[in-house]
Amino acid sequence: MISKDFDIAHIDIINTKINYKDLNILKAETYPSYDLGDQAKTYIADDRVIFACGIKIIRKGVGHCWVVPSIYVDDYARSFYKEIKNLLDTYSSTMKLHRIQTTIQDPFVNWIESLGFKRESILKQITSDKEDEYMYVKFY
């Protein structure tokens, strides 16, 4: 698996595993502000985008992690887990983050907990279609 610097156009070519109702909302949520210190990568294997991920700085020392998996991610489950773990560890150090947080829905709770994240709260009706998500956090 290789990584490339993320470009917002990558969202258009990811065969997303999650059914996002509006790609423009997804683009707004993932668009990195490199001048603010955000970091993001797209991971490719066998000429297919496997996933894109990044961290948005929301205040000094605090980042919000996002991941957009493709339909191919299950074929690369071990590499996917390893790359996300490495990315979190590397970015927490290079970006001087003491807290990385993310929001996640029910189907992915076990996966995020396997990365060492802990549930912090329930965000009621946080999505545009009024679905709940969980806030998960990992401290460094």
Protein backbone atom coordinates (compact mmCIF):
# COMPACT_ATOMS: atom_id res chain seq x y z
CA MET A 1 0.00 0.00 0.00
CA ILE A 2 1.31 3.44 -0.88
CA SER A 3 0.22 6.81 0.43
CA LYS A 4 -0.18 10.06 -1.45
CA ASP A 5 -0.94 13.54 -0.22
CA PHE A 6 -4.70 13.84 -0.02
CA ASP A 7 -6.51 15.97 -2.55
CA ILE A 8 -10.19 16.81 -2.16
CA ALA A 9 -10.78 15.36 -5.66
CA HIS A 10 -9.91 11.93 -4.21
CA ILE A 11 -13.35 11.90 -2.56
CA ASP A 12 -14.89 11.69 -6.03
CA ILE A 13 -12.93 8.56 -6.94
CA ILE A 14 -13.32 6.60 -3.70
CA ASN A 15 -15.92 3.86 -4.00
CA THR A 16 -17.06 4.58 -0.48
CA LYS A 17 -18.01 1.75 1.87
CA ILE A 18 -20.24 4.10 3.83
CA ASN A 19 -23.28 5.51 2.03
CA TYR A 20 -22.70 9.25 2.32
CA LYS A 21 -25.89 11.09 1.43
CA ASP A 22 -24.08 14.21 0.20
CA LEU A 23 -20.48 14.16 -1.04
CA ASN A 24 -20.30 17.95 -0.82
CA ILE A 25 -20.87 17.75 2.94
CA LEU A 26 -18.21 15.04 3.15
CA LYS A 27 -15.80 17.21 1.18
CA ALA A 28 -16.40 20.14 3.51
CA GLU A 29 -15.74 17.94 6.55
CA THR A 30 -12.52 16.46 5.16
CA TYR A 31 -11.07 19.42 3.29
CA PRO A 32 -7.65 19.97 4.85
CA SER A 33 -6.49 23.48 5.77
CA TYR A 34 -2.77 22.92 5.40
CA ASP A 35 -2.05 26.47 6.49
CA LEU A 36 -3.64 25.55 9.86
CA GLY A 37 -1.54 22.40 10.12
CA ASP A 38 -4.07 19.79 8.97
CA GLN A 39 -2.63 16.58 7.54
CA ALA A 40 -4.25 14.05 5.21
CA LYS A 41 -3.30 11.07 3.06
CA THR A 42 -4.90 8.82 0.47
CA TYR A 43 -3.85 5.17 0.46
CA ILE A 44 -3.73 3.17 -2.76
CA ALA A 45 -3.12 -0.51 -3.54
CA ASP A 46 -3.49 -2.41 -6.79
CA ASP A 47 -4.49 0.83 -8.56
CA ARG A 48 -7.50 1.26 -6.24
CA VAL A 49 -8.10 3.85 -3.56
CA ILE A 50 -8.41 1.89 -0.32
CA PHE A 51 -9.08 4.81 2.04
CA ALA A 52 -8.36 8.43 2.76
CA CYS A 53 -7.79 9.83 6.21
CA GLY A 54 -6.51 12.87 8.00
CA ILE A 55 -6.46 15.03 11.07
CA LYS A 56 -7.95 18.49 11.27
CA ILE A 57 -6.59 20.80 13.94
CA ILE A 58 -9.48 22.17 15.99
CA ARG A 59 -7.38 23.95 18.62
CA LYS A 60 -3.80 23.86 19.85
CA GLY A 61 -2.94 20.29 20.79
CA VAL A 62 -6.29 18.86 19.68
CA GLY A 63 -7.06 17.16 16.37
CA HIS A 64 -10.15 15.59 14.86
CA CYS A 65 -9.45 12.39 12.91
CA TRP A 66 -11.53 11.42 9.88
CA VAL A 67 -11.45 8.31 7.68
CA VAL A 68 -13.24 7.62 4.39
CA PRO A 69 -12.99 3.87 3.64
CA SER A 70 -13.60 2.42 0.21
CA ILE A 71 -15.47 -0.78 -0.59
CA TYR A 72 -12.03 -2.43 -0.91
CA VAL A 73 -10.91 -1.72 2.66
CA ASP A 74 -11.93 -5.16 3.98
CA ASP A 75 -9.53 -6.77 1.48
CA TYR A 76 -6.72 -4.84 3.18
CA ALA A 77 -7.96 -4.97 6.78
CA ARG A 78 -4.58 -5.69 8.36
CA SER A 79 -2.77 -2.99 6.36
CA PHE A 80 -5.63 -0.55 6.96
CA TYR A 81 -5.42 -1.01 10.74
CA LYS A 82 -1.61 -0.72 10.70
CA GLU A 83 -1.61 2.42 8.53
CA ILE A 84 -4.24 4.16 10.68
CA LYS A 85 -2.38 3.28 13.89
CA ASN A 86 0.92 4.54 12.43
CA LEU A 87 -0.74 7.70 11.15
CA LEU A 88 -2.24 8.47 14.58
CA ASP A 89 1.04 7.83 16.39
CA THR A 90 3.07 9.85 13.88
CA TYR A 91 0.67 12.77 13.67
CA SER A 92 0.21 12.97 17.43
CA SER A 93 3.96 13.45 17.71
CA THR A 94 4.71 15.67 14.70
CA MET A 95 1.60 17.82 15.18
CA LYS A 96 2.15 18.00 18.96
CA LEU A 97 -1.32 16.65 19.74
CA HIS A 98 -2.30 15.55 23.22
CA ARG A 99 -5.86 14.67 22.19
CA ILE A 100 -7.21 13.10 19.01
CA GLN A 101 -10.97 12.74 18.73
CA THR A 102 -13.38 11.38 16.19
CA THR A 103 -17.08 10.76 15.75
CA ILE A 104 -18.29 7.34 14.75
CA GLN A 105 -21.49 5.37 14.21
CA ASP A 106 -22.46 2.00 15.75
CA PRO A 107 -21.03 -0.36 13.12
CA PHE A 108 -17.47 0.93 13.70
CA VAL A 109 -17.33 1.07 17.50
CA ASN A 110 -15.32 -2.14 17.93
CA TRP A 111 -12.80 -1.03 15.33
CA ILE A 112 -12.17 2.40 16.88
CA GLU A 113 -11.89 0.89 20.34
CA SER A 114 -9.26 -1.55 19.02
CA LEU A 115 -7.14 1.51 18.21
CA GLY A 116 -7.22 2.59 21.86
CA PHE A 117 -9.99 5.18 21.63
CA LYS A 118 -12.46 5.54 24.50
CA ARG A 119 -16.09 6.66 24.24
CA GLU A 120 -16.54 10.13 25.64
CA SER A 121 -20.14 10.97 24.80
CA ILE A 122 -23.15 10.50 22.54
CA LEU A 123 -23.78 13.28 20.06
CA LYS A 124 -27.54 13.33 19.61
CA GLN A 125 -28.85 14.12 16.11
CA ILE A 126 -25.39 15.28 14.97
CA THR A 127 -25.74 14.33 11.31
CA SER A 128 -27.74 16.16 8.66
CA ASP A 129 -30.32 13.36 8.76
CA LYS A 130 -30.51 13.58 12.59
CA GLU A 131 -28.59 10.38 13.33
CA ASP A 132 -26.62 9.96 16.56
CA GLU A 133 -22.88 9.43 16.62
CA TYR A 134 -20.42 8.73 19.39
CA MET A 135 -17.51 10.95 20.30
CA TYR A 136 -14.37 8.90 20.83
CA VAL A 137 -11.06 10.21 22.13
CA LYS A 138 -7.48 9.05 22.50
CA PHE A 139 -4.98 10.89 24.67
CA TYR A 140 -1.22 11.04 24.03
